[in-house]
């Protein structure tokens, strides 16, 4: 039996529950559960998805401050229609001139505007790439505890903001006892062990031989990882359906990753979501949460 999960990132205190209801009610009416990756204490984003205009304000807003959203998610959780995962802690970005080097400056309006002078390209670093180990360890544990206290459920999966991870972030996630949705970073970031080495070899041999990401959960010393497939405005839907068909034939899980604010902004993207769920029905996928997909395998 192959599993299909929908993962939606960036749920935070700034999220309007009406947006979630508008997008996902057609799926909830069919009994399909959505796995939300939730930011415990988010800073506010402006123009997300638009790298030429994006910036943030630095004050954090705790999830619990949005009573309407928390009440909405609790009800869906009680109905078995939602899974809660952890999406960083505050989703704060830094911005730099180089893709590889430098810690960068906070992505507030002043810093990001200065770096963009002369139409210069800038690069965003997610919090799990620029924060240091002591901060990552403290905030990952605190965020997990806050989400578990709010929703009275176990948090099992961590979703890295912007799919960026450092070695320090992986240590913090391991210490929190979480699995990782997405396969990113270098294998040495997991620390050296035979388990980690063989998972790295398995992952890249599969990619080189077949041209597709390794489709099953990968075991590392202290956590598991599972690839997620993005649904964004630039996604090639035909290619995504091809991967779905391949996963179905291999009895492999398929995690579809998206953002509610993009689905709201682009109506064609919302229709693509429904189209892909219909395709999942035709292929015989069983709808599950992301954490349940980690329990599937070869």
C-alpha atoms as a PDB file:
ATOM      1  CA  UNK A   1       0.000   0.000   0.000  1.00  0.00           C
ATOM      2  CA  UNK A   2       1.465   3.381  -1.010  1.00  0.00           C
ATOM      3  CA  UNK A   3       0.813   6.529   1.036  1.00  0.00           C
ATOM      4  CA  UNK A   4       0.107  10.093  -0.128  1.00  0.00           C
ATOM      5  CA  UNK A   5       0.413  13.129   2.173  1.00  0.00           C
ATOM      6  CA  UNK A   6      -0.131  16.860   1.705  1.00  0.00           C
ATOM      7  CA  UNK A   7       2.320  19.066   3.619  1.00  0.00           C
ATOM      8  CA  UNK A   8       1.642  22.797   3.993  1.00  0.00           C
ATOM      9  CA  UNK A   9       4.362  25.025   5.434  1.00  0.00           C
ATOM     10  CA  UNK A  10       4.447  28.454   7.100  1.00  0.00           C
ATOM     11  CA  UNK A  11       1.404  28.169   9.381  1.00  0.00           C
ATOM     12  CA  UNK A  12       1.937  30.763  12.106  1.00  0.00           C
ATOM     13  CA  UNK A  13       0.291  33.337  14.338  1.00  0.00           C
ATOM     14  CA  UNK A  14       0.020  35.517  11.223  1.00  0.00           C
ATOM     15  CA  UNK A  15      -2.143  32.934   9.405  1.00  0.00           C
ATOM     16  CA  UNK A  16      -5.853  33.574   8.810  1.00  0.00           C
ATOM     17  CA  UNK A  17      -7.713  30.293   9.467  1.00  0.00           C
ATOM     18  CA  UNK A  18     -10.246  31.348   6.829  1.00  0.00           C
ATOM     19  CA  UNK A  19      -7.525  30.956   4.200  1.00  0.00           C
ATOM     20  CA  UNK A  20      -6.870  27.374   5.315  1.00  0.00           C
ATOM     21  CA  UNK A  21     -10.565  26.568   5.328  1.00  0.00           C
ATOM     22  CA  UNK A  22     -11.072  28.019   1.849  1.00  0.00           C
ATOM     23  CA  UNK A  23      -8.220  25.968   0.364  1.00  0.00           C
ATOM     24  CA  UNK A  24      -8.544  22.677   2.221  1.00  0.00           C
ATOM     25  CA  UNK A  25     -12.258  22.312   2.937  1.00  0.00           C
ATOM     26  CA  UNK A  26     -12.821  20.387  -0.346  1.00  0.00           C
ATOM     27  CA  UNK A  27     -10.165  17.894   0.801  1.00  0.00           C
ATOM     28  CA  UNK A  28     -11.345  17.761   4.414  1.00  0.00           C
ATOM     29  CA  UNK A  29     -14.847  16.991   3.151  1.00  0.00           C
ATOM     30  CA  UNK A  30     -13.335  13.844   1.614  1.00  0.00           C
ATOM     31  CA  UNK A  31     -11.654  12.894   4.883  1.00  0.00           C
ATOM     32  CA  UNK A  32      -8.147  13.845   3.673  1.00  0.00           C
ATOM     33  CA  UNK A  33      -5.783  14.885   6.461  1.00  0.00           C
ATOM     34  CA  UNK A  34      -3.364  17.804   5.928  1.00  0.00           C
ATOM     35  CA  UNK A  35       0.040  17.923   7.646  1.00  0.00           C
ATOM     36  CA  UNK A  36       0.727  21.520   8.697  1.00  0.00           C
ATOM     37  CA  UNK A  37       4.271  22.568   9.553  1.00  0.00           C
ATOM     38  CA  UNK A  38       3.797  25.254  12.174  1.00  0.00           C
ATOM     39  CA  UNK A  39       6.100  28.078  13.289  1.00  0.00           C
ATOM     40  CA  UNK A  40       5.915  28.454  17.099  1.00  0.00           C
ATOM     41  CA  UNK A  41       6.814  32.183  17.301  1.00  0.00           C
ATOM     42  CA  UNK A  42       7.025  33.708  13.825  1.00  0.00           C
ATOM     43  CA  UNK A  43       8.314  37.045  12.641  1.00  0.00           C
ATOM     44  CA  UNK A  44       6.108  38.739  10.028  1.00  0.00           C
ATOM     45  CA  UNK A  45       6.827  38.261   6.309  1.00  0.00           C
ATOM     46  CA  UNK A  46       6.072  40.799   3.598  1.00  0.00           C
ATOM     47  CA  UNK A  47       5.764  39.770  -0.068  1.00  0.00           C
ATOM     48  CA  UNK A  48       6.687  36.099   0.500  1.00  0.00           C
ATOM     49  CA  UNK A  49       7.814  34.356  -2.656  1.00  0.00           C
ATOM     50  CA  UNK A  50       8.908  37.618  -4.293  1.00  0.00           C
ATOM     51  CA  UNK A  51      12.681  37.834  -3.835  1.00  0.00           C
ATOM     52  CA  UNK A  52      12.769  41.377  -5.223  1.00  0.00           C
ATOM     53  CA  UNK A  53      10.391  42.774  -2.585  1.00  0.00           C
ATOM     54  CA  UNK A  54      10.543  40.320   0.321  1.00  0.00           C
ATOM     55  CA  UNK A  55      11.453  41.554   3.794  1.00  0.00           C
ATOM     56  CA  UNK A  56      10.572  40.813   7.426  1.00  0.00           C
ATOM     57  CA  UNK A  57       9.848  42.625  10.655  1.00  0.00           C
ATOM     58  CA  UNK A  58      11.806  41.272  13.605  1.00  0.00           C
ATOM     59  CA  UNK A  59       9.272  41.131  16.501  1.00  0.00           C
ATOM     60  CA  UNK A  60       8.033  37.595  17.087  1.00  0.00           C
ATOM     61  CA  UNK A  61       4.389  36.666  17.561  1.00  0.00           C
ATOM     62  CA  UNK A  62       3.651  33.494  19.487  1.00  0.00           C
ATOM     63  CA  UNK A  63       1.207  31.079  17.889  1.00  0.00           C
ATOM     64  CA  UNK A  64      -0.988  31.106  21.002  1.00  0.00           C
ATOM     65  CA  UNK A  65      -1.742  34.801  20.378  1.00  0.00           C
ATOM     66  CA  UNK A  66      -3.885  33.828  17.371  1.00  0.00           C
ATOM     67  CA  UNK A  67      -6.738  32.302  19.367  1.00  0.00           C
ATOM     68  CA  UNK A  68      -8.967  31.861  16.314  1.00  0.00           C
ATOM     69  CA  UNK A  69      -6.293  29.879  14.457  1.00  0.00           C
ATOM     70  CA  UNK A  70      -5.423  27.694  17.446  1.00  0.00           C
ATOM     71  CA  UNK A  71      -9.120  26.906  18.053  1.00  0.00           C
ATOM     72  CA  UNK A  72      -9.563  26.068  14.362  1.00  0.00           C
ATOM     73  CA  UNK A  73      -6.534  23.744  14.267  1.00  0.00           C
ATOM     74  CA  UNK A  74      -7.484  22.036  17.536  1.00  0.00           C
ATOM     75  CA  UNK A  75     -10.919  21.188  16.130  1.00  0.00           C
ATOM     76  CA  UNK A  76      -9.417  19.789  12.928  1.00  0.00           C
ATOM     77  CA  UNK A  77      -6.915  17.841  15.003  1.00  0.00           C
ATOM     78  CA  UNK A  78      -9.739  16.370  17.095  1.00  0.00           C
ATOM     79  CA  UNK A  79     -11.515  15.427  13.847  1.00  0.00           C
ATOM     80  CA  UNK A  80      -8.413  13.584  12.606  1.00  0.00           C
ATOM     81  CA  UNK A  81      -8.003  15.987   9.678  1.00  0.00           C
ATOM     82  CA  UNK A  82      -4.747  17.701  10.674  1.00  0.00           C
ATOM     83  CA  UNK A  83      -1.230  16.766  11.748  1.00  0.00           C
ATOM     84  CA  UNK A  84       0.991  19.333  13.456  1.00  0.00           C
ATOM     85  CA  UNK A  85       4.708  19.390  12.608  1.00  0.00           C
ATOM     86  CA  UNK A  86       7.432  21.866  13.613  1.00  0.00           C
ATOM     87  CA  UNK A  87       8.699  24.454  11.123  1.00  0.00           C
ATOM     88  CA  UNK A  88      11.754  26.038  12.712  1.00  0.00           C
ATOM     89  CA  UNK A  89      11.109  28.452  15.571  1.00  0.00           C
ATOM     90  CA  UNK A  90      10.648  31.991  14.275  1.00  0.00           C
ATOM     91  CA  UNK A  91      11.254  31.589  10.498  1.00  0.00           C
ATOM     92  CA  UNK A  92      13.696  34.492  10.566  1.00  0.00           C
ATOM     93  CA  UNK A  93      15.904  34.947   7.517  1.00  0.00           C
ATOM     94  CA  UNK A  94      19.259  36.548   6.999  1.00  0.00           C
ATOM     95  CA  UNK A  95      20.242  38.021   3.668  1.00  0.00           C
ATOM     96  CA  UNK A  96      23.701  38.037   2.078  1.00  0.00           C
ATOM     97  CA  UNK A  97      25.495  38.940  -1.144  1.00  0.00           C
ATOM     98  CA  UNK A  98      26.901  35.454  -1.612  1.00  0.00           C
ATOM     99  CA  UNK A  99      25.085  32.153  -1.950  1.00  0.00           C
ATOM    100  CA  UNK A 100      27.769  30.339   0.070  1.00  0.00           C
ATOM    101  CA  UNK A 101      29.687  32.678   2.323  1.00  0.00           C
ATOM    102  CA  UNK A 102      28.946  34.988   5.214  1.00  0.00           C
ATOM    103  CA  UNK A 103      26.331  34.984   7.951  1.00  0.00           C
ATOM    104  CA  UNK A 104      24.521  37.929   6.388  1.00  0.00           C
ATOM    105  CA  UNK A 105      22.244  40.563   7.879  1.00  0.00           C
ATOM    106  CA  UNK A 106      18.697  40.261   9.149  1.00  0.00           C
ATOM    107  CA  UNK A 107      16.242  40.449   6.266  1.00  0.00           C
ATOM    108  CA  UNK A 108      14.522  43.572   7.548  1.00  0.00           C
ATOM    109  CA  UNK A 109      13.603  46.401   5.207  1.00  0.00           C
ATOM    110  CA  UNK A 110      16.745  48.451   5.920  1.00  0.00           C
ATOM    111  CA  UNK A 111      19.318  45.674   5.475  1.00  0.00           C
ATOM    112  CA  UNK A 112      17.719  43.969   2.506  1.00  0.00           C
ATOM    113  CA  UNK A 113      17.121  47.300   0.754  1.00  0.00           C
ATOM    114  CA  UNK A 114      20.756  48.290   1.132  1.00  0.00           C
ATOM    115  CA  UNK A 115      22.014  44.976  -0.236  1.00  0.00           C
ATOM    116  CA  UNK A 116      19.689  45.280  -3.242  1.00  0.00           C
ATOM    117  CA  UNK A 117      21.067  48.655  -4.309  1.00  0.00           C
ATOM    118  CA  UNK A 118      22.027  48.599  -7.970  1.00  0.00           C
ATOM    119  CA  UNK A 119      19.707  45.622  -8.586  1.00  0.00           C
ATOM    120  CA  UNK A 120      22.217  43.355  -6.880  1.00  0.00           C
ATOM    121  CA  UNK A 121      21.048  39.775  -6.365  1.00  0.00           C
ATOM    122  CA  UNK A 122      20.679  38.744  -2.743  1.00  0.00           C
ATOM    123  CA  UNK A 123      20.479  35.313  -1.125  1.00  0.00           C
ATOM    124  CA  UNK A 124      18.222  34.296   1.742  1.00  0.00           C
ATOM    125  CA  UNK A 125      19.424  32.038   4.536  1.00  0.00           C
ATOM    126  CA  UNK A 126      16.801  30.236   6.602  1.00  0.00           C
ATOM    127  CA  UNK A 127      17.142  30.070  10.375  1.00  0.00           C
ATOM    128  CA  UNK A 128      18.395  26.468  10.334  1.00  0.00           C
ATOM    129  CA  UNK A 129      21.361  27.594   8.298  1.00  0.00           C
ATOM    130  CA  UNK A 130      22.531  30.769  10.039  1.00  0.00           C
ATOM    131  CA  UNK A 131      21.718  30.225  13.730  1.00  0.00           C
ATOM    132  CA  UNK A 132      24.372  28.792  16.027  1.00  0.00           C
ATOM    133  CA  UNK A 133      24.105  25.475  17.856  1.00  0.00           C
ATOM    134  CA  UNK A 134      23.210  26.810  21.319  1.00  0.00           C
ATOM    135  CA  UNK A 135      20.353  28.901  19.899  1.00  0.00           C
ATOM    136  CA  UNK A 136      19.093  26.118  17.649  1.00  0.00           C
ATOM    137  CA  UNK A 137      19.097  23.586  20.482  1.00  0.00           C
ATOM    138  CA  UNK A 138      17.249  25.874  22.882  1.00  0.00           C
ATOM    139  CA  UNK A 139      14.676  27.077  20.334  1.00  0.00           C
ATOM    140  CA  UNK A 140      14.006  23.681  18.756  1.00  0.00           C
ATOM    141  CA  UNK A 141      13.247  22.127  22.138  1.00  0.00           C
ATOM    142  CA  UNK A 142      11.244  25.142  23.264  1.00  0.00           C
ATOM    143  CA  UNK A 143       9.247  25.241  20.023  1.00  0.00           C
ATOM    144  CA  UNK A 144       8.464  21.523  20.208  1.00  0.00           C
ATOM    145  CA  UNK A 145       7.349  21.896  23.826  1.00  0.00           C
ATOM    146  CA  UNK A 146       5.161  24.908  23.000  1.00  0.00           C
ATOM    147  CA  UNK A 147       3.420  23.131  20.123  1.00  0.00           C
ATOM    148  CA  UNK A 148       2.830  20.011  22.217  1.00  0.00           C
ATOM    149  CA  UNK A 149       1.419  22.097  25.056  1.00  0.00           C
ATOM    150  CA  UNK A 150      -0.910  24.037  22.739  1.00  0.00           C
ATOM    151  CA  UNK A 151      -2.224  21.062  20.773  1.00  0.00           C
ATOM    152  CA  UNK A 152      -1.853  18.202  23.303  1.00  0.00           C
ATOM    153  CA  UNK A 153      -0.181  15.985  20.724  1.00  0.00           C
ATOM    154  CA  UNK A 154       3.269  14.555  20.051  1.00  0.00           C
ATOM    155  CA  UNK A 155       5.380  16.470  17.539  1.00  0.00           C
ATOM    156  CA  UNK A 156       7.262  13.916  15.461  1.00  0.00           C
ATOM    157  CA  UNK A 157       8.499  15.720  12.340  1.00  0.00           C
ATOM    158  CA  UNK A 158      10.647  18.797  11.713  1.00  0.00           C
ATOM    159  CA  UNK A 159      10.353  20.753   8.447  1.00  0.00           C
ATOM    160  CA  UNK A 160      13.407  22.978   7.789  1.00  0.00           C
ATOM    161  CA  UNK A 161      12.519  26.511   6.650  1.00  0.00           C
ATOM    162  CA  UNK A 162      13.422  26.886   2.962  1.00  0.00           C
ATOM    163  CA  UNK A 163      14.742  23.302   3.077  1.00  0.00           C
ATOM    164  CA  UNK A 164      18.064  24.562   4.463  1.00  0.00           C
ATOM    165  CA  UNK A 165      20.007  22.733   7.175  1.00  0.00           C
ATOM    166  CA  UNK A 166      23.387  23.081   8.834  1.00  0.00           C
ATOM    167  CA  UNK A 167      25.270  20.503  10.875  1.00  0.00           C
ATOM    168  CA  UNK A 168      24.284  22.402  14.023  1.00  0.00           C
ATOM    169  CA  UNK A 169      20.603  22.310  13.023  1.00  0.00           C
ATOM    170  CA  UNK A 170      20.713  18.544  12.535  1.00  0.00           C
ATOM    171  CA  UNK A 171      22.246  18.102  15.990  1.00  0.00           C
ATOM    172  CA  UNK A 172      19.452  20.226  17.484  1.00  0.00           C
ATOM    173  CA  UNK A 173      16.767  18.273  15.611  1.00  0.00           C
ATOM    174  CA  UNK A 174      18.328  14.965  16.691  1.00  0.00           C
ATOM    175  CA  UNK A 175      18.395  16.098  20.312  1.00  0.00           C
ATOM    176  CA  UNK A 176      14.689  16.932  20.059  1.00  0.00           C
ATOM    177  CA  UNK A 177      13.956  13.410  18.790  1.00  0.00           C
ATOM    178  CA  UNK A 178      12.417  14.521  15.498  1.00  0.00           C
ATOM    179  CA  UNK A 179      12.473  13.112  11.965  1.00  0.00           C
ATOM    180  CA  UNK A 180      13.073  15.437   8.990  1.00  0.00           C
ATOM    181  CA  UNK A 181      10.657  16.004   6.121  1.00  0.00           C
ATOM    182  CA  UNK A 182      12.905  16.685   3.145  1.00  0.00           C
ATOM    183  CA  UNK A 183      16.372  15.430   2.240  1.00  0.00           C
ATOM    184  CA  UNK A 184      18.799  18.356   2.222  1.00  0.00           C
ATOM    185  CA  UNK A 185      22.346  19.194   3.222  1.00  0.00           C
ATOM    186  CA  UNK A 186      25.560  17.203   3.033  1.00  0.00           C
ATOM    187  CA  UNK A 187      25.892  13.693   4.425  1.00  0.00           C
ATOM    188  CA  UNK A 188      28.739  14.700   6.762  1.00  0.00           C
ATOM    189  CA  UNK A 189      26.328  17.147   8.418  1.00  0.00           C
ATOM    190  CA  UNK A 190      24.721  14.046   9.961  1.00  0.00           C
ATOM    191  CA  UNK A 191      28.007  13.016  11.571  1.00  0.00           C
ATOM    192  CA  UNK A 192      30.082  10.047  10.510  1.00  0.00           C
ATOM    193  CA  UNK A 193      28.703   6.566  11.062  1.00  0.00           C
ATOM    194  CA  UNK A 194      28.278   3.531   8.849  1.00  0.00           C
ATOM    195  CA  UNK A 195      24.497   4.010   8.915  1.00  0.00           C
ATOM    196  CA  UNK A 196      24.843   7.596   7.709  1.00  0.00           C
ATOM    197  CA  UNK A 197      27.406   6.658   5.087  1.00  0.00           C
ATOM    198  CA  UNK A 198      25.300   3.849   3.617  1.00  0.00           C
ATOM    199  CA  UNK A 199      22.199   6.054   3.510  1.00  0.00           C
ATOM    200  CA  UNK A 200      24.193   8.703   1.644  1.00  0.00           C
ATOM    201  CA  UNK A 201      25.482   6.135  -0.862  1.00  0.00           C
ATOM    202  CA  UNK A 202      22.015   4.638  -1.295  1.00  0.00           C
ATOM    203  CA  UNK A 203      20.515   8.073  -1.881  1.00  0.00           C
ATOM    204  CA  UNK A 204      22.978   9.199  -4.529  1.00  0.00           C
ATOM    205  CA  UNK A 205      23.393   5.882  -6.325  1.00  0.00           C
ATOM    206  CA  UNK A 206      19.632   5.821  -6.791  1.00  0.00           C
ATOM    207  CA  UNK A 207      19.636   9.413  -8.047  1.00  0.00           C
ATOM    208  CA  UNK A 208      22.502   8.834 -10.481  1.00  0.00           C
ATOM    209  CA  UNK A 209      21.171   5.535 -11.825  1.00  0.00           C
ATOM    210  CA  UNK A 210      17.489   6.449 -12.128  1.00  0.00           C
ATOM    211  CA  UNK A 211      17.362  10.221 -12.256  1.00  0.00           C
ATOM    212  CA  UNK A 212      14.845  10.515  -9.405  1.00  0.00           C
ATOM    213  CA  UNK A 213      15.161  11.284  -5.685  1.00  0.00           C
ATOM    214  CA  UNK A 214      15.370   8.244  -3.406  1.00  0.00           C
ATOM    215  CA  UNK A 215      11.659   7.646  -2.709  1.00  0.00           C
ATOM    216  CA  UNK A 216      11.691   5.749   0.605  1.00  0.00           C
ATOM    217  CA  UNK A 217      12.473   6.883   4.164  1.00  0.00           C
ATOM    218  CA  UNK A 218      16.223   7.008   4.785  1.00  0.00           C
ATOM    219  CA  UNK A 219      17.662   5.894   8.115  1.00  0.00           C
ATOM    220  CA  UNK A 220      20.309   8.012   9.803  1.00  0.00           C
ATOM    221  CA  UNK A 221      21.847   7.339  13.204  1.00  0.00           C
ATOM    222  CA  UNK A 222      19.345   9.380  15.215  1.00  0.00           C
ATOM    223  CA  UNK A 223      16.531  10.244  12.807  1.00  0.00           C
ATOM    224  CA  UNK A 224      14.856   9.391   9.496  1.00  0.00           C
ATOM    225  CA  UNK A 225      14.435  11.573   6.409  1.00  0.00           C
ATOM    226  CA  UNK A 226      11.883  11.442   3.615  1.00  0.00           C
ATOM    227  CA  UNK A 227      11.864  13.445   0.401  1.00  0.00           C
ATOM    228  CA  UNK A 228       9.007  15.888  -0.277  1.00  0.00           C
ATOM    229  CA  UNK A 229       7.974  17.106  -3.745  1.00  0.00           C
ATOM    230  CA  UNK A 230       7.216  20.811  -4.112  1.00  0.00           C
ATOM    231  CA  UNK A 231       4.097  22.338  -5.602  1.00  0.00           C
ATOM    232  CA  UNK A 232       4.952  25.958  -6.455  1.00  0.00           C
ATOM    233  CA  UNK A 233       4.177  28.309  -9.378  1.00  0.00           C
ATOM    234  CA  UNK A 234       7.268  26.994 -11.191  1.00  0.00           C
ATOM    235  CA  UNK A 235       6.441  23.294 -10.724  1.00  0.00           C
ATOM    236  CA  UNK A 236       6.177  21.133 -13.828  1.00  0.00           C
ATOM    237  CA  UNK A 237       2.904  19.334 -13.092  1.00  0.00           C
ATOM    238  CA  UNK A 238       3.479  16.680 -15.756  1.00  0.00           C
ATOM    239  CA  UNK A 239       6.841  15.836 -14.171  1.00  0.00           C
ATOM    240  CA  UNK A 240       5.232  15.685 -10.747  1.00  0.00           C
ATOM    241  CA  UNK A 241       2.580  13.278 -12.012  1.00  0.00           C
ATOM    242  CA  UNK A 242       5.340  11.167 -13.570  1.00  0.00           C
ATOM    243  CA  UNK A 243       7.035  10.927 -10.158  1.00  0.00           C
ATOM    244  CA  UNK A 244       3.698  10.059  -8.529  1.00  0.00           C
ATOM    245  CA  UNK A 245       3.201   7.236 -11.009  1.00  0.00           C
ATOM    246  CA  UNK A 246       6.693   5.976 -10.313  1.00  0.00           C
ATOM    247  CA  UNK A 247       6.142   6.064  -6.532  1.00  0.00           C
ATOM    248  CA  UNK A 248       2.873   4.188  -6.981  1.00  0.00           C
ATOM    249  CA  UNK A 249       4.588   1.454  -8.994  1.00  0.00           C
ATOM    250  CA  UNK A 250       7.322   1.163  -6.340  1.00  0.00           C
ATOM    251  CA  UNK A 251       4.897   1.193  -3.417  1.00  0.00           C
ATOM    252  CA  UNK A 252       6.737   4.282  -2.150  1.00  0.00           C
ATOM    253  CA  UNK A 253       5.241   7.208  -0.202  1.00  0.00           C
ATOM    254  CA  UNK A 254       4.642  10.567  -1.861  1.00  0.00           C
ATOM    255  CA  UNK A 255       4.689  13.802   0.183  1.00  0.00           C
ATOM    256  CA  UNK A 256       3.412  16.881  -1.666  1.00  0.00           C
ATOM    257  CA  UNK A 257       4.812  20.112  -0.203  1.00  0.00           C
ATOM    258  CA  UNK A 258       3.136  23.487  -0.707  1.00  0.00           C
ATOM    259  CA  UNK A 259       2.275  26.836   0.947  1.00  0.00           C
ATOM    260  CA  UNK A 260      -1.239  28.033   1.661  1.00  0.00           C
ATOM    261  CA  UNK A 261      -0.336  31.621   0.795  1.00  0.00           C
ATOM    262  CA  UNK A 262       0.793  30.567  -2.692  1.00  0.00           C
ATOM    263  CA  UNK A 263      -2.335  28.471  -3.186  1.00  0.00           C
ATOM    264  CA  UNK A 264      -4.394  31.523  -2.212  1.00  0.00           C
ATOM    265  CA  UNK A 265      -2.444  33.850  -4.499  1.00  0.00           C
ATOM    266  CA  UNK A 266      -2.450  31.590  -7.579  1.00  0.00           C
ATOM    267  CA  UNK A 267      -5.819  29.997  -8.320  1.00  0.00           C
ATOM    268  CA  UNK A 268      -4.282  27.670 -10.916  1.00  0.00           C
ATOM    269  CA  UNK A 269      -2.010  26.277  -8.198  1.00  0.00           C
ATOM    270  CA  UNK A 270      -5.009  25.449  -6.044  1.00  0.00           C
ATOM    271  CA  UNK A 271      -6.568  23.624  -8.983  1.00  0.00           C
ATOM    272  CA  UNK A 272      -3.297  21.738  -9.460  1.00  0.00           C
ATOM    273  CA  UNK A 273      -3.504  20.582  -5.846  1.00  0.00           C
ATOM    274  CA  UNK A 274      -6.976  19.148  -6.417  1.00  0.00           C
ATOM    275  CA  UNK A 275      -5.827  17.619  -9.719  1.00  0.00           C
ATOM    276  CA  UNK A 276      -2.925  15.865  -7.998  1.00  0.00           C
ATOM    277  CA  UNK A 277      -5.186  14.528  -5.255  1.00  0.00           C
ATOM    278  CA  UNK A 278      -7.539  13.180  -7.932  1.00  0.00           C
ATOM    279  CA  UNK A 279      -4.546  11.535  -9.604  1.00  0.00           C
ATOM    280  CA  UNK A 280      -3.577  10.021  -6.266  1.00  0.00           C
ATOM    281  CA  UNK A 281      -7.047   8.479  -6.072  1.00  0.00           C
ATOM    282  CA  UNK A 282      -6.678   6.963  -9.537  1.00  0.00           C
ATOM    283  CA  UNK A 283      -3.252   5.545  -8.684  1.00  0.00           C
ATOM    284  CA  UNK A 284      -4.546   3.853  -5.551  1.00  0.00           C
ATOM    285  CA  UNK A 285      -2.676   5.941  -2.987  1.00  0.00           C
ATOM    286  CA  UNK A 286      -3.965   5.908   0.588  1.00  0.00           C
ATOM    287  CA  UNK A 287      -4.074   9.346   2.240  1.00  0.00           C
ATOM    288  CA  UNK A 288      -1.909   9.593   5.342  1.00  0.00           C
ATOM    289  CA  UNK A 289      -0.046  12.190   7.402  1.00  0.00           C
ATOM    290  CA  UNK A 290       3.638  12.914   6.833  1.00  0.00           C
ATOM    291  CA  UNK A 291       4.648  11.099  10.025  1.00  0.00           C
ATOM    292  CA  UNK A 292       2.722   8.025   8.868  1.00  0.00           C
ATOM    293  CA  UNK A 293       4.621   8.106   5.564  1.00  0.00           C
ATOM    294  CA  UNK A 294       7.831   7.613   7.568  1.00  0.00           C
ATOM    295  CA  UNK A 295       6.507   4.206   8.593  1.00  0.00           C
ATOM    296  CA  UNK A 296       6.177   3.046   5.003  1.00  0.00           C
ATOM    297  CA  UNK A 297       9.075   1.584   3.068  1.00  0.00           C
ATOM    298  CA  UNK A 298      10.471  -1.008   0.751  1.00  0.00           C
END
